[in-house]
N, C-alpha and C. Protein backbone atom coordinates (compact mmCIF):
# COMPACT_ATOMS: atom_id res chain seq x y z
N MET A 1 0.80 -1.21 -0.09
CA MET A 1 0.01 0.01 -0.01
C MET A 1 0.91 1.25 -0.05
N PRO A 2 1.74 1.50 -0.99
CA PRO A 2 2.61 2.67 -1.07
C PRO A 2 1.89 3.98 -0.88
N ASP A 3 0.58 4.10 -1.50
CA ASP A 3 -0.07 5.42 -1.49
C ASP A 3 -0.87 5.75 -0.17
N THR A 4 -0.79 4.83 0.87
CA THR A 4 -1.44 5.06 2.00
C THR A 4 -0.53 5.43 3.20
N GLU A 5 0.75 5.24 3.00
CA GLU A 5 1.67 5.50 4.06
C GLU A 5 1.87 7.06 4.42
N LEU A 6 1.44 7.43 5.62
CA LEU A 6 1.53 8.76 5.90
C LEU A 6 2.92 9.23 6.72
N PRO A 7 3.78 10.16 6.34
CA PRO A 7 4.82 10.51 7.02
C PRO A 7 4.37 11.37 8.24
N LEU A 8 5.25 11.57 9.24
CA LEU A 8 5.01 12.42 10.32
C LEU A 8 4.62 13.83 9.66
N GLY A 9 3.56 14.41 10.24
CA GLY A 9 3.18 15.78 9.76
C GLY A 9 1.88 15.75 8.80
N ALA A 10 1.81 14.52 8.14
CA ALA A 10 0.60 14.41 7.42
C ALA A 10 -0.75 14.03 8.35
N ALA A 11 -0.34 13.47 9.51
CA ALA A 11 -1.47 13.14 10.34
C ALA A 11 -2.35 14.30 10.75
N ALA A 12 -1.69 15.43 10.98
CA ALA A 12 -2.45 16.69 11.26
C ALA A 12 -3.31 17.10 9.99
N VAL A 13 -2.85 16.95 8.78
CA VAL A 13 -3.52 17.32 7.71
C VAL A 13 -4.80 16.40 7.58
N TYR A 14 -4.58 15.08 7.84
CA TYR A 14 -5.64 14.16 7.82
C TYR A 14 -6.65 14.54 8.93
N GLY A 15 -6.15 14.94 9.95
CA GLY A 15 -6.93 15.38 11.18
C GLY A 15 -7.87 16.47 10.69
N ARG A 16 -7.38 17.60 9.93
CA ARG A 16 -8.17 18.53 9.53
C ARG A 16 -9.30 18.04 8.57
N LEU A 17 -8.91 17.07 7.73
CA LEU A 17 -10.07 16.49 6.78
C LEU A 17 -11.08 15.90 7.62
N LEU A 18 -10.70 15.05 8.61
CA LEU A 18 -11.71 14.39 9.44
C LEU A 18 -12.66 15.32 10.22
N CYS A 19 -12.14 16.46 10.69
CA CYS A 19 -12.79 17.42 11.38
C CYS A 19 -13.74 18.07 10.42
N ALA A 20 -13.43 18.40 9.20
CA ALA A 20 -14.36 19.01 8.14
C ALA A 20 -15.41 18.02 7.96
N ARG A 21 -15.08 16.73 7.69
CA ARG A 21 -16.10 15.86 7.40
C ARG A 21 -17.05 15.46 8.53
N GLY A 22 -16.49 15.58 9.79
CA GLY A 22 -17.32 15.39 10.90
C GLY A 22 -18.31 16.56 11.10
N ALA A 23 -17.84 17.79 10.86
CA ALA A 23 -18.72 19.02 11.02
C ALA A 23 -19.88 18.85 9.85
N ALA A 24 -19.76 18.40 8.59
CA ALA A 24 -20.54 18.20 7.73
C ALA A 24 -21.60 17.18 8.05
N ALA A 25 -21.12 16.15 8.60
CA ALA A 25 -21.90 14.90 8.89
C ALA A 25 -22.82 15.26 10.09
N ILE A 26 -22.43 15.94 11.05
CA ILE A 26 -23.25 16.37 12.33
C ILE A 26 -24.31 17.35 11.72
N ALA A 27 -23.85 18.32 10.88
CA ALA A 27 -24.87 19.35 10.31
C ALA A 27 -25.96 18.66 9.48
N PHE A 28 -25.54 17.60 8.72
CA PHE A 28 -26.58 16.87 7.96
C PHE A 28 -27.58 16.17 8.93
N GLY A 29 -26.96 15.28 9.97
CA GLY A 29 -27.87 14.62 10.86
C GLY A 29 -28.78 15.60 11.59
N LEU A 30 -28.25 16.71 12.01
CA LEU A 30 -29.14 17.66 12.78
C LEU A 30 -30.24 18.20 11.77
N LEU A 31 -29.81 18.50 10.69
CA LEU A 31 -30.74 19.07 9.75
C LEU A 31 -31.92 18.13 9.41
N ILE A 32 -31.60 16.82 9.26
CA ILE A 32 -32.74 15.88 8.95
C ILE A 32 -33.65 15.70 10.17
N PHE A 33 -33.12 15.87 11.46
CA PHE A 33 -33.85 15.72 12.53
C PHE A 33 -34.82 17.01 12.83
N LEU A 34 -34.34 18.21 12.39
CA LEU A 34 -34.99 19.35 12.62
C LEU A 34 -35.97 19.77 11.52
N TRP A 35 -35.77 19.17 10.38
CA TRP A 35 -36.67 19.42 9.24
C TRP A 35 -38.10 19.06 9.52
N PRO A 36 -39.01 19.91 9.37
CA PRO A 36 -40.47 19.63 9.76
C PRO A 36 -41.14 18.81 8.56
N ARG A 37 -41.73 17.77 9.03
CA ARG A 37 -42.39 16.73 8.07
C ARG A 37 -41.48 16.40 6.87
N LEU A 38 -40.39 15.90 7.18
CA LEU A 38 -39.38 15.44 6.27
C LEU A 38 -39.93 14.43 5.34
N SER A 39 -40.00 14.46 4.01
CA SER A 39 -40.57 13.48 3.11
C SER A 39 -39.09 12.70 2.42
N LEU A 40 -39.48 11.54 1.92
CA LEU A 40 -38.46 10.87 1.29
C LEU A 40 -37.67 11.53 0.20
N GLY A 41 -38.57 12.42 -0.55
CA GLY A 41 -37.87 13.26 -1.59
C GLY A 41 -36.92 14.22 -0.97
N VAL A 42 -37.28 14.89 0.12
CA VAL A 42 -36.45 15.89 0.90
C VAL A 42 -35.19 15.18 1.35
N LEU A 43 -35.43 14.12 2.04
CA LEU A 43 -34.33 13.27 2.56
C LEU A 43 -33.36 12.85 1.45
N THR A 44 -33.80 12.46 0.30
CA THR A 44 -32.93 12.22 -0.77
C THR A 44 -32.16 13.31 -1.23
N MET A 45 -32.86 14.50 -1.42
CA MET A 45 -31.92 15.65 -1.82
C MET A 45 -30.98 16.06 -0.77
N LEU A 46 -31.30 15.96 0.49
CA LEU A 46 -30.43 16.34 1.55
C LEU A 46 -29.26 15.42 1.57
N TRP A 47 -29.53 14.00 1.33
CA TRP A 47 -28.32 13.20 1.22
C TRP A 47 -27.49 13.50 0.12
N GLY A 48 -28.13 13.89 -0.99
CA GLY A 48 -27.34 14.25 -2.18
C GLY A 48 -26.45 15.45 -1.86
N GLY A 49 -26.95 16.44 -1.15
CA GLY A 49 -26.15 17.53 -0.80
C GLY A 49 -25.18 17.19 0.10
N TYR A 50 -25.28 16.35 1.19
CA TYR A 50 -24.36 15.93 2.11
C TYR A 50 -23.21 15.20 1.21
N SER A 51 -23.63 14.28 0.40
CA SER A 51 -22.62 13.50 -0.30
C SER A 51 -21.77 14.34 -1.21
N LEU A 52 -22.31 15.43 -1.79
CA LEU A 52 -21.56 16.39 -2.56
C LEU A 52 -20.49 17.06 -1.79
N VAL A 53 -21.05 17.69 -0.62
CA VAL A 53 -20.03 18.39 0.31
C VAL A 53 -18.99 17.39 0.81
N ASP A 54 -19.35 16.35 1.29
CA ASP A 54 -18.42 15.29 1.75
C ASP A 54 -17.37 14.87 0.65
N GLY A 55 -17.87 14.57 -0.37
CA GLY A 55 -17.02 14.11 -1.57
C GLY A 55 -16.08 15.28 -2.00
N SER A 56 -16.66 16.48 -2.02
CA SER A 56 -15.90 17.68 -2.54
C SER A 56 -14.75 17.95 -1.62
N VAL A 57 -15.04 17.86 -0.15
CA VAL A 57 -14.07 18.18 0.91
C VAL A 57 -13.03 17.15 0.70
N VAL A 58 -13.26 15.78 0.49
CA VAL A 58 -12.35 14.84 0.35
C VAL A 58 -11.55 14.97 -0.92
N ALA A 59 -12.16 15.26 -2.02
CA ALA A 59 -11.46 15.53 -3.35
C ALA A 59 -10.41 16.61 -3.19
N GLY A 60 -10.79 17.93 -2.54
CA GLY A 60 -9.86 18.92 -2.25
C GLY A 60 -8.74 18.40 -1.54
N ALA A 61 -8.93 17.56 -0.47
CA ALA A 61 -7.79 17.08 0.32
C ALA A 61 -6.89 16.14 -0.44
N ALA A 62 -7.46 15.44 -1.44
CA ALA A 62 -6.68 14.49 -2.28
C ALA A 62 -5.99 15.33 -3.36
N ILE A 63 -6.43 16.35 -3.79
CA ILE A 63 -5.80 17.19 -4.75
C ILE A 63 -4.77 17.99 -4.20
N ALA A 64 -4.99 18.69 -2.96
CA ALA A 64 -3.95 19.57 -2.43
C ALA A 64 -3.10 18.90 -1.45
N GLY A 65 -3.24 17.54 -1.16
CA GLY A 65 -2.60 16.89 -0.14
C GLY A 65 -1.11 17.04 -0.57
N ARG A 66 -0.26 16.99 0.61
CA ARG A 66 1.17 16.97 0.43
C ARG A 66 1.66 15.66 0.30
N ALA A 67 2.87 15.58 0.20
CA ALA A 67 3.54 14.20 -0.02
C ALA A 67 3.21 13.22 1.17
N GLY A 68 2.75 12.13 0.87
CA GLY A 68 2.43 11.06 1.89
C GLY A 68 0.94 11.04 2.08
N THR A 69 0.29 12.00 1.58
CA THR A 69 -1.19 11.97 1.71
C THR A 69 -1.74 10.75 1.01
N PRO A 70 -2.79 10.02 1.61
CA PRO A 70 -3.40 8.74 0.89
C PRO A 70 -4.20 9.18 -0.29
N ARG A 71 -3.59 9.68 -1.26
CA ARG A 71 -4.42 10.30 -2.40
C ARG A 71 -5.47 9.29 -3.15
N LEU A 72 -4.87 8.03 -3.32
CA LEU A 72 -5.64 7.05 -3.95
C LEU A 72 -6.96 6.79 -3.08
N VAL A 73 -6.80 6.51 -1.84
CA VAL A 73 -7.89 6.31 -0.90
C VAL A 73 -8.87 7.58 -0.88
N LEU A 74 -8.24 8.74 -0.75
CA LEU A 74 -9.04 9.98 -0.68
C LEU A 74 -9.84 10.05 -2.04
N GLY A 75 -9.16 9.87 -3.09
CA GLY A 75 -9.81 10.06 -4.44
C GLY A 75 -10.99 8.97 -4.59
N LEU A 76 -10.70 7.66 -4.00
CA LEU A 76 -11.94 6.77 -4.09
C LEU A 76 -13.05 7.33 -3.27
N VAL A 77 -12.69 7.63 -2.12
CA VAL A 77 -13.91 8.18 -1.13
C VAL A 77 -14.60 9.28 -1.84
N ALA A 78 -13.75 10.23 -2.35
CA ALA A 78 -14.42 11.42 -2.94
C ALA A 78 -15.26 10.99 -4.12
N THR A 79 -14.98 10.15 -4.94
CA THR A 79 -15.56 9.53 -6.08
C THR A 79 -16.95 8.93 -5.60
N ALA A 80 -16.87 8.19 -4.49
CA ALA A 80 -18.06 7.59 -4.08
C ALA A 80 -19.07 8.58 -3.59
N GLY A 81 -18.64 9.62 -2.92
CA GLY A 81 -19.60 10.66 -2.52
C GLY A 81 -20.15 11.56 -3.62
N ILE A 82 -19.25 11.81 -4.52
CA ILE A 82 -19.77 12.71 -5.66
C ILE A 82 -20.70 11.94 -6.55
N ALA A 83 -20.35 10.61 -6.84
CA ALA A 83 -21.25 9.66 -7.57
C ALA A 83 -22.57 9.63 -6.90
N CYS A 84 -22.65 9.46 -5.60
CA CYS A 84 -24.01 9.44 -4.95
C CYS A 84 -24.67 10.67 -5.16
N ALA A 85 -24.02 11.80 -5.07
CA ALA A 85 -24.65 13.12 -5.21
C ALA A 85 -25.10 13.30 -6.61
N ALA A 86 -24.40 12.91 -7.60
CA ALA A 86 -24.70 12.95 -9.03
C ALA A 86 -25.92 12.11 -9.40
N ALA A 87 -26.05 10.92 -8.79
CA ALA A 87 -27.17 10.09 -8.93
C ALA A 87 -28.42 10.78 -8.43
N VAL A 88 -28.29 11.20 -7.25
CA VAL A 88 -29.44 11.94 -6.60
C VAL A 88 -29.98 13.22 -7.41
N PHE A 89 -29.01 14.06 -7.84
CA PHE A 89 -29.46 15.24 -8.47
C PHE A 89 -29.78 14.89 -9.86
N ALA A 90 -29.37 13.74 -10.53
CA ALA A 90 -29.81 13.43 -11.96
C ALA A 90 -31.14 13.03 -11.96
N SER A 91 -31.45 12.16 -10.98
CA SER A 91 -32.84 11.57 -11.08
C SER A 91 -33.38 11.28 -9.64
N PRO A 92 -33.67 12.24 -8.91
CA PRO A 92 -34.17 12.14 -7.55
C PRO A 92 -35.41 11.26 -7.25
N GLU A 93 -36.28 11.24 -8.29
CA GLU A 93 -37.51 10.39 -8.13
C GLU A 93 -37.10 8.87 -8.36
N THR A 94 -36.05 8.65 -9.06
CA THR A 94 -35.68 7.29 -9.24
C THR A 94 -34.80 6.84 -8.05
N VAL A 95 -33.80 7.75 -7.55
CA VAL A 95 -33.07 7.35 -6.44
C VAL A 95 -33.77 7.12 -5.18
N ALA A 96 -34.88 8.07 -4.97
CA ALA A 96 -35.45 8.16 -3.60
C ALA A 96 -36.02 6.74 -3.03
N PRO A 97 -36.69 5.88 -3.94
CA PRO A 97 -37.14 4.61 -3.33
C PRO A 97 -35.80 3.57 -3.13
N LEU A 98 -34.67 3.90 -3.69
CA LEU A 98 -33.43 3.05 -3.45
C LEU A 98 -32.51 3.71 -2.47
N LEU A 99 -32.89 4.85 -1.87
CA LEU A 99 -32.06 5.60 -0.93
C LEU A 99 -31.52 4.62 0.16
N ALA A 100 -32.13 3.80 0.83
CA ALA A 100 -31.48 3.04 1.82
C ALA A 100 -30.51 2.08 1.31
N GLY A 101 -30.61 1.62 0.06
CA GLY A 101 -29.69 0.74 -0.68
C GLY A 101 -28.34 1.51 -0.98
N ILE A 102 -28.59 2.77 -1.45
CA ILE A 102 -27.47 3.63 -1.91
C ILE A 102 -26.63 4.04 -0.59
N VAL A 103 -27.31 4.61 0.45
CA VAL A 103 -26.67 4.93 1.60
C VAL A 103 -25.84 3.62 2.11
N SER A 104 -26.46 2.62 2.14
CA SER A 104 -25.93 1.41 2.66
C SER A 104 -24.50 1.11 1.91
N ALA A 105 -24.62 1.05 0.65
CA ALA A 105 -23.47 0.84 -0.21
C ALA A 105 -22.41 1.83 -0.03
N TRP A 106 -22.86 3.10 0.07
CA TRP A 106 -21.84 4.20 0.24
C TRP A 106 -21.12 4.01 1.71
N ALA A 107 -21.86 3.73 2.67
CA ALA A 107 -21.24 3.44 3.98
C ALA A 107 -20.26 2.35 4.05
N VAL A 108 -20.58 1.14 3.39
CA VAL A 108 -19.62 0.07 3.31
C VAL A 108 -18.42 0.29 2.53
N VAL A 109 -18.62 1.01 1.44
CA VAL A 109 -17.37 1.41 0.53
C VAL A 109 -16.58 2.34 1.28
N THR A 110 -17.10 3.37 1.65
CA THR A 110 -16.21 4.48 2.29
C THR A 110 -15.66 3.90 3.64
N GLY A 111 -16.33 3.13 4.46
CA GLY A 111 -15.87 2.39 5.65
C GLY A 111 -14.51 1.51 5.25
N ALA A 112 -14.79 0.90 4.20
CA ALA A 112 -13.60 -0.02 3.86
C ALA A 112 -12.47 0.74 3.49
N LEU A 113 -12.63 1.83 2.78
CA LEU A 113 -11.51 2.70 2.32
C LEU A 113 -10.89 3.50 3.58
N GLN A 114 -11.81 3.67 4.63
CA GLN A 114 -11.27 4.32 5.81
C GLN A 114 -10.41 3.38 6.52
N LEU A 115 -10.68 2.07 6.67
CA LEU A 115 -9.99 1.08 7.07
C LEU A 115 -8.43 1.04 6.54
N TRP A 116 -8.58 1.13 5.11
CA TRP A 116 -7.44 1.07 4.32
C TRP A 116 -6.47 2.34 4.81
N ALA A 117 -7.03 3.41 4.97
CA ALA A 117 -6.23 4.62 5.28
C ALA A 117 -5.75 4.42 6.65
N ALA A 118 -6.57 3.91 7.59
CA ALA A 118 -6.06 3.73 9.00
C ALA A 118 -4.82 2.69 8.92
N LEU A 119 -4.84 1.70 8.13
CA LEU A 119 -3.71 0.77 8.02
C LEU A 119 -2.43 1.72 7.55
N GLY A 120 -2.57 2.60 6.69
CA GLY A 120 -1.46 3.29 6.19
C GLY A 120 -0.91 4.24 7.15
N MET A 121 -1.72 4.64 8.19
CA MET A 121 -1.23 5.59 9.14
C MET A 121 -0.50 4.96 10.23
N ARG A 122 -0.29 3.64 10.26
CA ARG A 122 0.38 2.89 11.28
C ARG A 122 1.72 3.49 11.57
N SER A 123 2.45 3.91 10.70
CA SER A 123 3.74 4.65 10.89
C SER A 123 3.64 6.00 11.42
N ALA A 124 2.53 6.76 11.20
CA ALA A 124 2.43 8.05 11.52
C ALA A 124 1.92 8.31 12.91
N VAL A 125 1.23 7.48 13.53
CA VAL A 125 0.52 7.64 14.84
C VAL A 125 0.58 6.37 15.56
N GLU A 126 0.62 6.55 16.87
CA GLU A 126 0.32 5.33 17.81
C GLU A 126 -1.16 5.12 17.96
N ARG A 127 -1.46 4.08 18.37
CA ARG A 127 -2.96 3.63 18.53
C ARG A 127 -3.66 3.89 17.37
N GLU A 128 -3.13 3.41 16.17
CA GLU A 128 -3.94 3.71 14.86
C GLU A 128 -5.28 2.97 14.91
N TRP A 129 -5.48 1.98 15.76
CA TRP A 129 -6.65 1.20 15.74
C TRP A 129 -7.70 2.24 16.07
N ILE A 130 -7.64 3.35 16.62
CA ILE A 130 -8.62 4.29 16.91
C ILE A 130 -9.20 4.77 15.61
N LEU A 131 -8.27 4.99 14.69
CA LEU A 131 -8.58 5.40 13.38
C LEU A 131 -9.63 4.44 12.61
N ALA A 132 -9.33 3.17 12.83
CA ALA A 132 -10.11 2.13 12.19
C ALA A 132 -11.64 2.19 12.77
N LEU A 133 -11.85 2.72 13.97
CA LEU A 133 -13.18 2.79 14.35
C LEU A 133 -14.23 3.57 13.37
N ASP A 134 -13.68 4.62 12.67
CA ASP A 134 -14.47 5.32 11.72
C ASP A 134 -14.89 4.24 10.65
N GLY A 135 -14.06 3.50 10.13
CA GLY A 135 -14.34 2.61 9.07
C GLY A 135 -15.27 1.49 9.57
N ILE A 136 -14.87 0.90 10.73
CA ILE A 136 -15.84 -0.11 11.30
C ILE A 136 -17.28 0.43 11.42
N GLY A 137 -17.34 1.60 12.01
CA GLY A 137 -18.67 2.15 12.30
C GLY A 137 -19.41 2.23 11.01
N ALA A 138 -18.79 2.73 10.03
CA ALA A 138 -19.60 3.04 8.66
C ALA A 138 -19.95 1.64 8.05
N ILE A 139 -18.99 0.70 8.05
CA ILE A 139 -19.37 -0.64 7.57
C ILE A 139 -20.52 -1.24 8.33
N ALA A 140 -20.46 -1.20 9.60
CA ALA A 140 -21.54 -1.73 10.49
C ALA A 140 -22.89 -1.06 10.17
N PHE A 141 -22.85 0.22 10.02
CA PHE A 141 -24.09 0.95 9.64
C PHE A 141 -24.62 0.44 8.32
N GLY A 142 -23.68 0.39 7.30
CA GLY A 142 -24.13 -0.06 5.98
C GLY A 142 -24.72 -1.35 5.99
N PHE A 143 -24.04 -2.40 6.69
CA PHE A 143 -24.76 -3.74 6.69
C PHE A 143 -25.98 -3.74 7.49
N ALA A 144 -26.22 -2.85 8.56
CA ALA A 144 -27.44 -2.78 9.36
C ALA A 144 -28.57 -2.23 8.38
N LEU A 145 -28.24 -1.27 7.63
CA LEU A 145 -29.18 -0.82 6.76
C LEU A 145 -29.53 -1.68 5.63
N ALA A 146 -28.67 -2.58 5.13
CA ALA A 146 -28.88 -3.53 4.21
C ALA A 146 -29.70 -4.63 4.81
N VAL A 147 -29.68 -4.91 5.94
CA VAL A 147 -30.63 -6.03 6.33
C VAL A 147 -31.89 -5.60 6.69
N TRP A 148 -32.21 -4.33 6.62
CA TRP A 148 -33.61 -3.83 6.89
C TRP A 148 -33.98 -3.02 5.60
N PRO A 149 -34.21 -3.77 4.45
CA PRO A 149 -34.46 -3.09 3.06
C PRO A 149 -35.80 -2.19 3.14
N ARG A 150 -36.73 -2.72 3.91
CA ARG A 150 -37.89 -2.02 3.79
C ARG A 150 -38.31 -1.23 5.03
N LEU A 151 -37.50 -0.27 5.21
CA LEU A 151 -37.74 0.65 6.42
C LEU A 151 -38.76 1.74 6.13
N GLU A 152 -39.59 2.05 7.27
CA GLU A 152 -40.58 3.01 7.12
C GLU A 152 -39.87 4.24 7.29
N MET A 153 -40.43 5.34 6.76
CA MET A 153 -39.72 6.66 6.66
C MET A 153 -39.10 7.05 8.15
N ALA A 154 -39.87 6.90 9.09
CA ALA A 154 -39.47 7.39 10.36
C ALA A 154 -38.11 6.64 10.72
N ALA A 155 -38.24 5.44 10.66
CA ALA A 155 -36.93 4.50 10.91
C ALA A 155 -35.70 4.88 10.08
N LEU A 156 -35.93 5.25 8.86
CA LEU A 156 -34.93 5.49 7.91
C LEU A 156 -34.40 6.87 8.34
N VAL A 157 -35.11 7.89 8.69
CA VAL A 157 -34.74 9.27 9.11
C VAL A 157 -33.87 8.99 10.44
N TRP A 158 -34.42 8.30 11.44
CA TRP A 158 -33.62 8.00 12.76
C TRP A 158 -32.20 7.22 12.41
N LEU A 159 -32.30 6.24 11.54
CA LEU A 159 -31.03 5.50 11.35
C LEU A 159 -30.00 6.29 10.66
N ILE A 160 -30.35 6.99 9.69
CA ILE A 160 -29.49 7.97 8.89
C ILE A 160 -29.09 9.07 9.78
N GLY A 161 -29.94 9.69 10.52
CA GLY A 161 -29.63 10.80 11.36
C GLY A 161 -28.63 10.48 12.37
N TRP A 162 -29.01 9.34 13.15
CA TRP A 162 -28.06 9.12 14.23
C TRP A 162 -26.71 8.52 13.77
N PHE A 163 -26.71 7.82 12.55
CA PHE A 163 -25.48 7.39 12.18
C PHE A 163 -24.58 8.53 11.70
N THR A 164 -25.14 9.51 11.06
CA THR A 164 -24.21 10.56 10.56
C THR A 164 -23.89 11.34 11.78
N ILE A 165 -24.59 11.68 12.68
CA ILE A 165 -24.25 12.39 14.01
C ILE A 165 -23.22 11.66 14.68
N LEU A 166 -23.39 10.34 15.03
CA LEU A 166 -22.37 9.55 15.62
C LEU A 166 -21.05 9.44 14.71
N LEU A 167 -21.08 9.22 13.50
CA LEU A 167 -19.96 9.26 12.69
C LEU A 167 -19.21 10.57 12.60
N GLY A 168 -20.05 11.59 12.54
CA GLY A 168 -19.38 12.83 12.55
C GLY A 168 -18.76 13.25 13.77
N SER A 169 -19.28 12.83 14.88
CA SER A 169 -18.66 12.98 16.25
C SER A 169 -17.43 12.26 16.36
N LEU A 170 -17.29 10.95 15.85
CA LEU A 170 -16.16 10.17 15.88
C LEU A 170 -15.17 10.92 14.87
N TYR A 171 -15.61 11.38 13.69
CA TYR A 171 -14.57 12.00 12.82
C TYR A 171 -13.93 13.26 13.59
N LEU A 172 -14.78 13.95 14.30
CA LEU A 172 -14.27 15.22 14.93
C LEU A 172 -13.31 14.75 16.15
N ALA A 173 -13.60 13.73 16.83
CA ALA A 173 -12.81 13.42 17.97
C ALA A 173 -11.43 12.76 17.48
N VAL A 174 -11.49 11.94 16.38
CA VAL A 174 -10.23 11.41 15.83
C VAL A 174 -9.47 12.51 15.07
N GLY A 175 -10.08 13.49 14.56
CA GLY A 175 -9.47 14.49 13.78
C GLY A 175 -8.72 15.32 14.77
N VAL A 176 -9.33 15.79 15.94
CA VAL A 176 -8.75 16.54 16.96
C VAL A 176 -7.58 15.80 17.49
N TRP A 177 -7.77 14.57 17.74
CA TRP A 177 -6.66 13.73 18.23
C TRP A 177 -5.49 13.81 17.38
N LEU A 178 -5.85 13.44 16.08
CA LEU A 178 -4.70 13.34 15.03
C LEU A 178 -3.93 14.65 14.98
N ARG A 179 -4.60 15.76 15.26
CA ARG A 179 -3.96 17.07 15.05
C ARG A 179 -3.03 17.23 16.27
N GLN A 180 -3.30 16.70 17.35
CA GLN A 180 -2.48 16.79 18.61
C GLN A 180 -1.45 15.88 18.55
N THR A 181 -1.45 14.74 17.89
CA THR A 181 -0.37 13.82 17.86
C THR A 181 0.87 14.26 17.18
N ASP A 182 0.60 15.18 16.08
CA ASP A 182 1.66 15.53 15.16
C ASP A 182 2.54 16.62 15.69
């Protein structure tokens, strides 16, 4: 995994990325909880917006990253987020009934890529297993969402909302921790 090895100094950069992603995830989770009479169509568009913001932030980090930044992993995470957003905005009425499956697939793919990035950070930080929690949480959520394919709207909102708030909180905590370890 040559593209995932982070030298000392790059951990703080990755920490800033996780903080930005965490803030976006928490904002999305709170927004869907606070939206009055949230419909599946609105939830779908909000997911598309969140995916676009998350994918764009990660793409920016991949492009602007200094030597040692896991550009391949970041590029793949960015592509997953931007592809979800593109599907939503291109055909929201088609995507809406498939939203649970799309969010599930996105969570599993990005979680696996986060685990890959955590493995690459072994040389840059101690207790890199903490970084793996992000990926494990995303994968667990993706599988949980996949086993409940016919969720009622209220359950879907609660699952997605709590997942993004918890994952965003974990991103923030790990991001702050990474910035302090460098």
